[in-house]
């Protein structure tokens, strides 16, 4: 691969937090930023958004 998003982020000081496997649900919440690993994470990501909005 000529270019990797993970490598580019790490080179700029980001903490790259991926799940145990590509097919499992994985959501990361950092203050107001919510990220999800894949479409299998959509339910968990939606729950995180609703929880954040309820505050």
Protein backbone atom coordinates (compact mmCIF):
# COMPACT_ATOMS: atom_id res chain seq x y z
CA UNK A 1 0.00 0.00 0.00
CA UNK A 2 1.42 3.37 -0.98
CA UNK A 3 -0.35 5.38 1.70
CA UNK A 4 -1.87 4.37 5.04
CA UNK A 5 -4.23 6.57 7.05
CA UNK A 6 -3.12 4.83 10.25
CA UNK A 7 0.55 5.54 9.56
CA UNK A 8 -0.16 9.14 8.56
CA UNK A 9 -2.09 9.79 11.76
CA UNK A 10 0.55 8.17 13.96
CA UNK A 11 3.31 10.16 12.23
CA UNK A 12 1.47 13.32 13.25
CA UNK A 13 1.14 12.27 16.89
CA UNK A 14 -2.35 10.75 16.89
CA UNK A 15 -3.26 7.79 19.07
CA UNK A 16 -4.72 5.19 16.72
CA UNK A 17 -7.09 2.90 18.63
CA UNK A 18 -8.39 0.00 16.57
CA UNK A 19 -10.50 -2.91 17.71
CA UNK A 20 -9.42 -6.47 18.43
CA UNK A 21 -10.47 -7.52 14.91
CA UNK A 22 -11.77 -5.75 11.80
CA UNK A 23 -15.24 -7.30 12.08
CA UNK A 24 -16.03 -6.50 15.73
CA UNK A 25 -17.80 -3.41 17.03
CA UNK A 26 -15.41 -0.74 18.29
CA UNK A 27 -16.33 2.82 19.26
CA UNK A 28 -14.01 5.47 20.68
CA UNK A 29 -15.30 8.57 22.46
CA UNK A 30 -12.98 11.53 22.98
CA UNK A 31 -14.84 14.47 24.47
CA UNK A 32 -17.29 15.44 21.68
CA UNK A 33 -15.74 13.24 18.99
CA UNK A 34 -17.23 9.79 18.46
CA UNK A 35 -15.64 7.43 15.96
CA UNK A 36 -16.61 3.92 14.92
CA UNK A 37 -14.47 1.23 13.31
CA UNK A 38 -16.95 -0.22 10.81
CA UNK A 39 -20.65 -0.59 9.94
CA UNK A 40 -20.94 -3.22 12.65
CA UNK A 41 -20.25 -0.44 15.15
CA UNK A 42 -23.20 1.70 14.06
CA UNK A 43 -25.50 0.66 16.92
CA UNK A 44 -22.85 1.33 19.55
CA UNK A 45 -21.93 4.64 17.89
CA UNK A 46 -25.59 5.72 17.80
CA UNK A 47 -25.91 4.84 21.48
CA UNK A 48 -22.84 6.95 22.25
CA UNK A 49 -24.31 9.91 20.35
CA UNK A 50 -27.61 9.62 22.21
CA UNK A 51 -25.79 9.41 25.53
CA UNK A 52 -23.72 12.49 24.68
CA UNK A 53 -26.83 14.44 23.63
CA UNK A 54 -28.65 13.52 26.85
CA UNK A 55 -26.05 15.34 28.98
